[in-house]
Amino acid sequence: MGTSRYKFFETVWNNDLQHNQKGQMTQSIKNLLLTADYVLYSIPLSEKYRPDITAQKFYGNAKYFWILVYINDIKDSPQGFEVNRKIKVPDPAVIGTLI
């Protein structure tokens, strides 16, 4: 069973909806992801629009696609995963400390 990506987000009050929800990623997790060693990876045709497949390849779990989206500041996932786009893939050992 995987770890929910929401585990790494702080709970905040949404005044418009009048309930708690997950807000921004905690600063310690941001720092860890942004300072981790990484490799540059060129997205192949077989992974076009499929960050889940890339996450499975590197982290052994497709649910960790959000790490790739976050670290590469991809606002239009999955469309941002274009063929030949170079993305940063954080070291799996660092990611292993999160999960």
PDB file of N, CA and C in Angstrom:
ATOM      1  N   MET A   1       0.842  -1.166   0.000  1.00  0.00           N
ATOM      2  CA  MET A   1       0.000   0.000   0.000  1.00  0.00           C
ATOM      3  C   MET A   1       0.893   1.236   0.000  1.00  0.00           C
ATOM      4  N   GLY A   2       0.544   2.237  -0.775  1.00  0.00           N
ATOM      5  CA  GLY A   2       1.345   3.444  -0.909  1.00  0.00           C
ATOM      6  C   GLY A   2       1.011   4.483   0.148  1.00  0.00           C
ATOM      7  N   THR A   3       1.798   5.532   0.122  1.00  0.00           N
ATOM      8  CA  THR A   3       1.596   6.661   1.016  1.00  0.00           C
ATOM      9  C   THR A   3       0.880   7.760   0.251  1.00  0.00           C
ATOM     10  N   SER A   4      -0.127   8.329   0.852  1.00  0.00           N
ATOM     11  CA  SER A   4      -0.857   9.406   0.201  1.00  0.00           C
ATOM     12  C   SER A   4       0.019  10.641   0.094  1.00  0.00           C
ATOM     13  N   ARG A   5      -0.036  11.307  -1.058  1.00  0.00           N
ATOM     14  CA  ARG A   5       0.729  12.542  -1.214  1.00  0.00           C
ATOM     15  C   ARG A   5       0.228  13.626  -0.271  1.00  0.00           C
ATOM     16  N   TYR A   6      -0.999  13.521   0.185  1.00  0.00           N
ATOM     17  CA  TYR A   6      -1.560  14.521   1.081  1.00  0.00           C
ATOM     18  C   TYR A   6      -0.960  14.459   2.483  1.00  0.00           C
ATOM     19  N   LYS A   7      -0.258  13.379   2.773  1.00  0.00           N
ATOM     20  CA  LYS A   7       0.432  13.243   4.055  1.00  0.00           C
ATOM     21  C   LYS A   7       1.429  14.390   4.239  1.00  0.00           C
ATOM     22  N   PHE A   8       1.950  14.920   3.146  1.00  0.00           N
ATOM     23  CA  PHE A   8       3.006  15.925   3.198  1.00  0.00           C
ATOM     24  C   PHE A   8       2.474  17.356   3.141  1.00  0.00           C
ATOM     25  N   PHE A   9       1.173  17.515   3.194  1.00  0.00           N
ATOM     26  CA  PHE A   9       0.563  18.830   3.113  1.00  0.00           C
ATOM     27  C   PHE A   9      -0.048  19.200   4.454  1.00  0.00           C
ATOM     28  N   GLU A  10       0.064  20.454   4.804  1.00  0.00           N
ATOM     29  CA  GLU A  10      -0.516  20.943   6.043  1.00  0.00           C
ATOM     30  C   GLU A  10      -2.031  21.094   5.885  1.00  0.00           C
ATOM     31  N   THR A  11      -2.752  20.888   6.975  1.00  0.00           N
ATOM     32  CA  THR A  11      -4.192  21.112   6.967  1.00  0.00           C
ATOM     33  C   THR A  11      -4.440  22.595   7.224  1.00  0.00           C
ATOM     34  N   VAL A  12      -5.269  23.194   6.400  1.00  0.00           N
ATOM     35  CA  VAL A  12      -5.590  24.616   6.532  1.00  0.00           C
ATOM     36  C   VAL A  12      -7.110  24.792   6.490  1.00  0.00           C
ATOM     37  N   TRP A  13      -7.574  25.889   7.032  1.00  0.00           N
ATOM     38  CA  TRP A  13      -8.998  26.207   7.026  1.00  0.00           C
ATOM     39  C   TRP A  13      -9.348  26.932   5.736  1.00  0.00           C
ATOM     40  N   ASN A  14     -10.346  26.444   5.016  1.00  0.00           N
ATOM     41  CA  ASN A  14     -10.842  27.100   3.813  1.00  0.00           C
ATOM     42  C   ASN A  14     -12.064  27.904   4.216  1.00  0.00           C
ATOM     43  N   ASN A  15     -11.903  29.213   4.278  1.00  0.00           N
ATOM     44  CA  ASN A  15     -12.979  30.089   4.729  1.00  0.00           C
ATOM     45  C   ASN A  15     -14.157  30.084   3.769  1.00  0.00           C
ATOM     46  N   ASP A  16     -13.879  29.993   2.469  1.00  0.00           N
ATOM     47  CA  ASP A  16     -14.967  29.995   1.488  1.00  0.00           C
ATOM     48  C   ASP A  16     -15.872  28.782   1.635  1.00  0.00           C
ATOM     49  N   LEU A  17     -15.271  27.629   1.874  1.00  0.00           N
ATOM     50  CA  LEU A  17     -16.040  26.385   1.971  1.00  0.00           C
ATOM     51  C   LEU A  17     -16.370  26.003   3.413  1.00  0.00           C
ATOM     52  N   GLN A  18     -15.778  26.729   4.360  1.00  0.00           N
ATOM     53  CA  GLN A  18     -16.017  26.501   5.780  1.00  0.00           C
ATOM     54  C   GLN A  18     -15.663  25.082   6.230  1.00  0.00           C
ATOM     55  N   HIS A  19     -14.479  24.632   5.839  1.00  0.00           N
ATOM     56  CA  HIS A  19     -13.991  23.345   6.332  1.00  0.00           C
ATOM     57  C   HIS A  19     -12.475  23.270   6.188  1.00  0.00           C
ATOM     58  N   ASN A  20     -11.894  22.282   6.877  1.00  0.00           N
ATOM     59  CA  ASN A  20     -10.455  22.043   6.774  1.00  0.00           C
ATOM     60  C   ASN A  20     -10.160  21.284   5.490  1.00  0.00           C
ATOM     61  N   GLN A  21      -9.016  21.585   4.919  1.00  0.00           N
ATOM     62  CA  GLN A  21      -8.560  20.848   3.738  1.00  0.00           C
ATOM     63  C   GLN A  21      -7.048  20.878   3.716  1.00  0.00           C
ATOM     64  N   LYS A  22      -6.485  20.068   2.881  1.00  0.00           N
ATOM     65  CA  LYS A  22      -5.041  20.051   2.760  1.00  0.00           C
ATOM     66  C   LYS A  22      -4.614  21.250   1.939  1.00  0.00           C
ATOM     67  N   GLY A  23      -3.628  21.977   2.447  1.00  0.00           N
ATOM     68  CA  GLY A  23      -3.158  23.189   1.791  1.00  0.00           C
ATOM     69  C   GLY A  23      -1.782  23.006   1.198  1.00  0.00           C
ATOM     70  N   GLN A  24      -0.854  23.850   1.599  1.00  0.00           N
ATOM     71  CA  GLN A  24       0.476  23.836   1.012  1.00  0.00           C
ATOM     72  C   GLN A  24       1.342  22.743   1.620  1.00  0.00           C
ATOM     73  N   MET A  25       2.283  22.286   0.813  1.00  0.00           N
ATOM     74  CA  MET A  25       3.232  21.282   1.263  1.00  0.00           C
ATOM     75  C   MET A  25       4.072  21.865   2.395  1.00  0.00           C
ATOM     76  N   THR A  26       4.373  21.048   3.382  1.00  0.00           N
ATOM     77  CA  THR A  26       5.172  21.538   4.495  1.00  0.00           C
ATOM     78  C   THR A  26       6.543  21.994   4.000  1.00  0.00           C
ATOM     79  N   GLN A  27       7.087  23.005   4.647  1.00  0.00           N
ATOM     80  CA  GLN A  27       8.357  23.587   4.217  1.00  0.00           C
ATOM     81  C   GLN A  27       9.496  22.572   4.291  1.00  0.00           C
ATOM     82  N   SER A  28       9.488  21.710   5.279  1.00  0.00           N
ATOM     83  CA  SER A  28      10.573  20.732   5.407  1.00  0.00           C
ATOM     84  C   SER A  28      10.578  19.752   4.234  1.00  0.00           C
ATOM     85  N   ILE A  29       9.402  19.368   3.761  1.00  0.00           N
ATOM     86  CA  ILE A  29       9.329  18.471   2.609  1.00  0.00           C
ATOM     87  C   ILE A  29       9.760  19.209   1.352  1.00  0.00           C
ATOM     88  N   LYS A  30       9.330  20.467   1.201  1.00  0.00           N
ATOM     89  CA  LYS A  30       9.763  21.268   0.051  1.00  0.00           C
ATOM     90  C   LYS A  30      11.282  21.348   0.011  1.00  0.00           C
ATOM     91  N   ASN A  31      11.881  21.667   1.163  1.00  0.00           N
ATOM     92  CA  ASN A  31      13.339  21.792   1.220  1.00  0.00           C
ATOM     93  C   ASN A  31      14.031  20.487   0.862  1.00  0.00           C
ATOM     94  N   LEU A  32      13.513  19.386   1.386  1.00  0.00           N
ATOM     95  CA  LEU A  32      14.108  18.088   1.092  1.00  0.00           C
ATOM     96  C   LEU A  32      14.053  17.787  -0.403  1.00  0.00           C
ATOM     97  N   LEU A  33      12.902  18.003  -1.015  1.00  0.00           N
ATOM     98  CA  LEU A  33      12.762  17.729  -2.445  1.00  0.00           C
ATOM     99  C   LEU A  33      13.618  18.658  -3.301  1.00  0.00           C
ATOM    100  N   LEU A  34      13.671  19.922  -2.921  1.00  0.00           N
ATOM    101  CA  LEU A  34      14.387  20.900  -3.730  1.00  0.00           C
ATOM    102  C   LEU A  34      15.899  20.811  -3.584  1.00  0.00           C
ATOM    103  N   THR A  35      16.381  20.206  -2.510  1.00  0.00           N
ATOM    104  CA  THR A  35      17.834  20.093  -2.316  1.00  0.00           C
ATOM    105  C   THR A  35      18.359  18.696  -2.591  1.00  0.00           C
ATOM    106  N   ALA A  36      17.484  17.778  -2.918  1.00  0.00           N
ATOM    107  CA  ALA A  36      17.900  16.392  -3.183  1.00  0.00           C
ATOM    108  C   ALA A  36      18.731  16.304  -4.461  1.00  0.00           C
ATOM    109  N   ASP A  37      19.652  15.353  -4.480  1.00  0.00           N
ATOM    110  CA  ASP A  37      20.349  15.054  -5.723  1.00  0.00           C
ATOM    111  C   ASP A  37      19.321  14.537  -6.717  1.00  0.00           C
ATOM    112  N   TYR A  38      19.569  14.785  -7.986  1.00  0.00           N
ATOM    113  CA  TYR A  38      18.628  14.335  -8.999  1.00  0.00           C
ATOM    114  C   TYR A  38      19.369  14.011 -10.288  1.00  0.00           C
ATOM    115  N   VAL A  39      18.693  13.296 -11.149  1.00  0.00           N
ATOM    116  CA  VAL A  39      19.195  13.053 -12.497  1.00  0.00           C
ATOM    117  C   VAL A  39      18.270  13.787 -13.457  1.00  0.00           C
ATOM    118  N   LEU A  40      18.831  14.198 -14.591  1.00  0.00           N
ATOM    119  CA  LEU A  40      18.002  14.755 -15.658  1.00  0.00           C
ATOM    120  C   LEU A  40      17.548  13.593 -16.524  1.00  0.00           C
ATOM    121  N   TYR A  41      16.277  13.570 -16.806  1.00  0.00           N
ATOM    122  CA  TYR A  41      15.680  12.466 -17.540  1.00  0.00           C
ATOM    123  C   TYR A  41      14.890  13.025 -18.711  1.00  0.00           C
ATOM    124  N   SER A  42      15.104  12.484 -19.871  1.00  0.00           N
ATOM    125  CA  SER A  42      14.374  12.898 -21.063  1.00  0.00           C
ATOM    126  C   SER A  42      13.176  11.960 -21.243  1.00  0.00           C
ATOM    127  N   ILE A  43      12.009  12.524 -21.272  1.00  0.00           N
ATOM    128  CA  ILE A  43      10.787  11.710 -21.338  1.00  0.00           C
ATOM    129  C   ILE A  43      10.694  11.025 -22.701  1.00  0.00           C
ATOM    130  N   PRO A  44      10.637   9.689 -22.700  1.00  0.00           N
ATOM    131  CA  PRO A  44      10.506   8.963 -23.964  1.00  0.00           C
ATOM    132  C   PRO A  44       9.045   8.931 -24.440  1.00  0.00           C
ATOM    133  N   LEU A  45       8.844   8.554 -25.671  1.00  0.00           N
ATOM    134  CA  LEU A  45       7.503   8.480 -26.249  1.00  0.00           C
ATOM    135  C   LEU A  45       6.586   7.583 -25.419  1.00  0.00           C
ATOM    136  N   SER A  46       7.129   6.498 -24.891  1.00  0.00           N
ATOM    137  CA  SER A  46       6.313   5.556 -24.115  1.00  0.00           C
ATOM    138  C   SER A  46       5.784   6.147 -22.807  1.00  0.00           C
ATOM    139  N   GLU A  47       6.331   7.300 -22.378  1.00  0.00           N
ATOM    140  CA  GLU A  47       5.890   7.930 -21.141  1.00  0.00           C
ATOM    141  C   GLU A  47       5.245   9.298 -21.373  1.00  0.00           C
ATOM    142  N   LYS A  48       4.952   9.613 -22.638  1.00  0.00           N
ATOM    143  CA  LYS A  48       4.301  10.875 -22.969  1.00  0.00           C
ATOM    144  C   LYS A  48       2.968  10.964 -22.228  1.00  0.00           C
ATOM    145  N   TYR A  49       2.785  12.069 -21.503  1.00  0.00           N
ATOM    146  CA  TYR A  49       1.579  12.318 -20.712  1.00  0.00           C
ATOM    147  C   TYR A  49       1.364  11.296 -19.596  1.00  0.00           C
ATOM    148  N   ARG A  50       2.420  10.592 -19.195  1.00  0.00           N
ATOM    149  CA  ARG A  50       2.273   9.535 -18.196  1.00  0.00           C
ATOM    150  C   ARG A  50       3.298   9.660 -17.067  1.00  0.00           C
ATOM    151  N   PRO A  51       3.170  10.686 -16.235  1.00  0.00           N
ATOM    152  CA  PRO A  51       4.106  10.811 -15.119  1.00  0.00           C
ATOM    153  C   PRO A  51       4.032   9.617 -14.172  1.00  0.00           C
ATOM    154  N   ASP A  52       2.906   8.919 -14.177  1.00  0.00           N
ATOM    155  CA  ASP A  52       2.767   7.740 -13.333  1.00  0.00           C
ATOM    156  C   ASP A  52       3.734   6.631 -13.745  1.00  0.00           C
ATOM    157  N   ILE A  53       3.929   6.472 -15.045  1.00  0.00           N
ATOM    158  CA  ILE A  53       4.853   5.444 -15.534  1.00  0.00           C
ATOM    159  C   ILE A  53       6.291   5.811 -15.158  1.00  0.00           C
ATOM    160  N   THR A  54       6.634   7.088 -15.275  1.00  0.00           N
ATOM    161  CA  THR A  54       7.973   7.540 -14.900  1.00  0.00           C
ATOM    162  C   THR A  54       8.200   7.326 -13.405  1.00  0.00           C
ATOM    163  N   ALA A  55       7.207   7.641 -12.594  1.00  0.00           N
ATOM    164  CA  ALA A  55       7.319   7.433 -11.151  1.00  0.00           C
ATOM    165  C   ALA A  55       7.486   5.950 -10.832  1.00  0.00           C
ATOM    166  N   GLN A  56       6.746   5.109 -11.516  1.00  0.00           N
ATOM    167  CA  GLN A  56       6.870   3.662 -11.310  1.00  0.00           C
ATOM    168  C   GLN A  56       8.291   3.199 -11.632  1.00  0.00           C
ATOM    169  N   LYS A  57       8.839   3.707 -12.701  1.00  0.00           N
ATOM    170  CA  LYS A  57      10.184   3.329 -13.137  1.00  0.00           C
ATOM    171  C   LYS A  57      11.239   3.694 -12.096  1.00  0.00           C
ATOM    172  N   PHE A  58      11.142   4.906 -11.543  1.00  0.00           N
ATOM    173  CA  PHE A  58      12.173   5.386 -10.625  1.00  0.00           C
ATOM    174  C   PHE A  58      11.905   5.053  -9.161  1.00  0.00           C
ATOM    175  N   TYR A  59      10.642   5.063  -8.763  1.00  0.00           N
ATOM    176  CA  TYR A  59      10.313   4.914  -7.347  1.00  0.00           C
ATOM    177  C   TYR A  59       9.575   3.628  -7.003  1.00  0.00           C
ATOM    178  N   GLY A  60       9.236   2.857  -8.018  1.00  0.00           N
ATOM    179  CA  GLY A  60       8.560   1.593  -7.759  1.00  0.00           C
ATOM    180  C   GLY A  60       7.088   1.742  -7.413  1.00  0.00           C
ATOM    181  N   ASN A  61       6.544   2.944  -7.585  1.00  0.00           N
ATOM    182  CA  ASN A  61       5.135   3.169  -7.277  1.00  0.00           C
ATOM    183  C   ASN A  61       4.618   4.337  -8.118  1.00  0.00           C
ATOM    184  N   ALA A  62       3.623   4.079  -8.929  1.00  0.00           N
ATOM    185  CA  ALA A  62       3.059   5.101  -9.817  1.00  0.00           C
ATOM    186  C   ALA A  62       2.422   6.250  -9.054  1.00  0.00           C
ATOM    187  N   LYS A  63       2.011   6.011  -7.811  1.00  0.00           N
ATOM    188  CA  LYS A  63       1.351   7.053  -7.029  1.00  0.00           C
ATOM    189  C   LYS A  63       2.282   8.206  -6.655  1.00  0.00           C
ATOM    190  N   TYR A  64       3.573   8.043  -6.855  1.00  0.00           N
ATOM    191  CA  TYR A  64       4.529   9.102  -6.519  1.00  0.00           C
ATOM    192  C   TYR A  64       4.772  10.049  -7.690  1.00  0.00           C
ATOM    193  N   PHE A  65       3.887  10.027  -8.669  1.00  0.00           N
ATOM    194  CA  PHE A  65       3.992  10.938  -9.812  1.00  0.00           C
ATOM    195  C   PHE A  65       3.997  12.393  -9.360  1.00  0.00           C
ATOM    196  N   TRP A  66       3.322  12.688  -8.272  1.00  0.00           N
ATOM    197  CA  TRP A  66       3.205  14.063  -7.784  1.00  0.00           C
ATOM    198  C   TRP A  66       4.568  14.663  -7.441  1.00  0.00           C
ATOM    199  N   ILE A  67       5.525  13.817  -7.068  1.00  0.00           N
ATOM    200  CA  ILE A  67       6.873  14.299  -6.772  1.00  0.00           C
ATOM    201  C   ILE A  67       7.497  14.889  -8.032  1.00  0.00           C
ATOM    202  N   LEU A  68       7.336  14.192  -9.143  1.00  0.00           N
ATOM    203  CA  LEU A  68       7.884  14.670 -10.415  1.00  0.00           C
ATOM    204  C   LEU A  68       7.178  15.939 -10.870  1.00  0.00           C
ATOM    205  N   VAL A  69       5.883  16.001 -10.676  1.00  0.00           N
ATOM    206  CA  VAL A  69       5.109  17.191 -11.044  1.00  0.00           C
ATOM    207  C   VAL A  69       5.569  18.377 -10.199  1.00  0.00           C
ATOM    208  N   TYR A  70       5.728  18.161  -8.905  1.00  0.00           N
ATOM    209  CA  TYR A  70       6.116  19.250  -8.011  1.00  0.00           C
ATOM    210  C   TYR A  70       7.536  19.734  -8.292  1.00  0.00           C
ATOM    211  N   ILE A  71       8.492  18.835  -8.325  1.00  0.00           N
ATOM    212  CA  ILE A  71       9.899  19.222  -8.440  1.00  0.00           C
ATOM    213  C   ILE A  71      10.193  19.900  -9.777  1.00  0.00           C
ATOM    214  N   ASN A  72       9.391  19.598 -10.789  1.00  0.00           N
ATOM    215  CA  ASN A  72       9.598  20.194 -12.107  1.00  0.00           C
ATOM    216  C   ASN A  72       8.639  21.339 -12.399  1.00  0.00           C
ATOM    217  N   ASP A  73       7.855  21.721 -11.401  1.00  0.00           N
ATOM    218  CA  ASP A  73       6.924  22.840 -11.507  1.00  0.00           C
ATOM    219  C   ASP A  73       6.040  22.717 -12.756  1.00  0.00           C
ATOM    220  N   ILE A  74       5.473  21.528 -12.921  1.00  0.00           N
ATOM    221  CA  ILE A  74       4.622  21.259 -14.078  1.00  0.00           C
ATOM    222  C   ILE A  74       3.183  21.583 -13.688  1.00  0.00           C
ATOM    223  N   LYS A  75       2.685  22.649 -14.226  1.00  0.00           N
ATOM    224  CA  LYS A  75       1.346  23.134 -13.868  1.00  0.00           C
ATOM    225  C   LYS A  75       0.245  22.433 -14.659  1.00  0.00           C
ATOM    226  N   ASP A  76       0.612  21.823 -15.779  1.00  0.00           N
ATOM    227  CA  ASP A  76      -0.397  21.223 -16.653  1.00  0.00           C
ATOM    228  C   ASP A  76      -0.189  19.715 -16.784  1.00  0.00           C
ATOM    229  N   SER A  77      -0.079  19.056 -15.638  1.00  0.00           N
ATOM    230  CA  SER A  77       0.098  17.606 -15.658  1.00  0.00           C
ATOM    231  C   SER A  77      -1.235  16.956 -16.037  1.00  0.00           C
ATOM    232  N   PRO A  78      -1.234  15.957 -16.849  1.00  0.00           N
ATOM    233  CA  PRO A  78      -0.111  15.245 -17.440  1.00  0.00           C
ATOM    234  C   PRO A  78       0.377  15.818 -18.764  1.00  0.00           C
ATOM    235  N   GLN A  79      -0.298  16.828 -19.310  1.00  0.00           N
ATOM    236  CA  GLN A  79       0.097  17.350 -20.616  1.00  0.00           C
ATOM    237  C   GLN A  79       1.516  17.912 -20.612  1.00  0.00           C
ATOM    238  N   GLY A  80       2.020  18.301 -19.462  1.00  0.00           N
ATOM    239  CA  GLY A  80       3.375  18.834 -19.360  1.00  0.00           C
ATOM    240  C   GLY A  80       4.459  17.790 -19.565  1.00  0.00           C
ATOM    241  N   PHE A  81       4.082  16.529 -19.565  1.00  0.00           N
ATOM    242  CA  PHE A  81       5.052  15.453 -19.769  1.00  0.00           C
ATOM    243  C   PHE A  81       5.164  15.154 -21.262  1.00  0.00           C
ATOM    244  N   GLU A  82       5.791  16.090 -21.956  1.00  0.00           N
ATOM    245  CA  GLU A  82       5.985  15.992 -23.406  1.00  0.00           C
ATOM    246  C   GLU A  82       7.209  15.146 -23.736  1.00  0.00           C
ATOM    247  N   VAL A  83       7.188  14.518 -24.871  1.00  0.00           N
ATOM    248  CA  VAL A  83       8.328  13.720 -25.351  1.00  0.00           C
ATOM    249  C   VAL A  83       9.559  14.617 -25.444  1.00  0.00           C
ATOM    250  N   ASN A  84      10.667  14.099 -24.977  1.00  0.00           N
ATOM    251  CA  ASN A  84      11.983  14.751 -24.972  1.00  0.00           C
ATOM    252  C   ASN A  84      12.122  15.893 -23.973  1.00  0.00           C
ATOM    253  N   ARG A  85      11.087  16.184 -23.212  1.00  0.00           N
ATOM    254  CA  ARG A  85      11.236  17.196 -22.161  1.00  0.00           C
ATOM    255  C   ARG A  85      12.191  16.636 -21.114  1.00  0.00           C
ATOM    256  N   LYS A  86      13.116  17.455 -20.680  1.00  0.00           N
ATOM    257  CA  LYS A  86      14.061  17.056 -19.642  1.00  0.00           C
ATOM    258  C   LYS A  86      13.465  17.430 -18.292  1.00  0.00           C
ATOM    259  N   ILE A  87      13.371  16.441 -17.426  1.00  0.00           N
ATOM    260  CA  ILE A  87      12.846  16.679 -16.082  1.00  0.00           C
ATOM    261  C   ILE A  87      13.871  16.239 -15.049  1.00  0.00           C
ATOM    262  N   LYS A  88      13.758  16.828 -13.869  1.00  0.00           N
ATOM    263  CA  LYS A  88      14.581  16.415 -12.737  1.00  0.00           C
ATOM    264  C   LYS A  88      13.869  15.252 -12.052  1.00  0.00           C
ATOM    265  N   VAL A  89      14.636  14.220 -11.751  1.00  0.00           N
ATOM    266  CA  VAL A  89      14.094  13.091 -11.008  1.00  0.00           C
ATOM    267  C   VAL A  89      14.911  12.980  -9.715  1.00  0.00           C
ATOM    268  N   PRO A  90      14.309  13.351  -8.574  1.00  0.00           N
ATOM    269  CA  PRO A  90      15.031  13.275  -7.305  1.00  0.00           C
ATOM    270  C   PRO A  90      15.479  11.848  -6.996  1.00  0.00           C
ATOM    271  N   ASP A  91      16.599  11.769  -6.323  1.00  0.00           N
ATOM    272  CA  ASP A  91      17.205  10.493  -5.936  1.00  0.00           C
ATOM    273  C   ASP A  91      16.188   9.606  -5.216  1.00  0.00           C
ATOM    274  N   PRO A  92      15.992   8.389  -5.700  1.00  0.00           N
ATOM    275  CA  PRO A  92      15.052   7.479  -5.044  1.00  0.00           C
ATOM    276  C   PRO A  92      15.373   7.229  -3.571  1.00  0.00           C
ATOM    277  N   ALA A  93      16.634   7.298  -3.183  1.00  0.00           N
ATOM    278  CA  ALA A  93      16.995   7.098  -1.770  1.00  0.00           C
ATOM    279  C   ALA A  93      16.405   8.206  -0.908  1.00  0.00           C
ATOM    280  N   VAL A  94      16.401   9.441  -1.414  1.00  0.00           N
ATOM    281  CA  VAL A  94      15.822  10.564  -0.679  1.00  0.00           C
ATOM    282  C   VAL A  94      14.311  10.380  -0.577  1.00  0.00           C
ATOM    283  N   ILE A  95      13.715  10.003  -1.675  1.00  0.00           N
ATOM    284  CA  ILE A  95      12.261   9.780  -1.676  1.00  0.00           C
ATOM    285  C   ILE A  95      11.906   8.659  -0.701  1.00  0.00           C
ATOM    286  N   GLY A  96      12.768   7.675  -0.624  1.00  0.00           N
ATOM    287  CA  GLY A  96      12.551   6.564   0.312  1.00  0.00           C
ATOM    288  C   GLY A  96      12.471   7.015   1.759  1.00  0.00           C
ATOM    289  N   THR A  97      13.122   8.135   2.096  1.00  0.00           N
ATOM    290  CA  THR A  97      13.042   8.651   3.466  1.00  0.00           C
ATOM    291  C   THR A  97      11.683   9.280   3.751  1.00  0.00           C
ATOM    292  N   LEU A  98      10.957   9.645   2.704  1.00  0.00           N
ATOM    293  CA  LEU A  98       9.638  10.257   2.866  1.00  0.00           C
ATOM    294  C   LEU A  98       8.554   9.219   3.095  1.00  0.00           C
ATOM    295  N   ILE A  99       8.731   8.059   2.517  1.00  0.00           N
ATOM    296  CA  ILE A  99       7.635   7.088   2.487  1.00  0.00           C
ATOM    297  C   ILE A  99       7.815   5.908   3.389  1.00  0.00           C
TER     298      ILE A  99
END
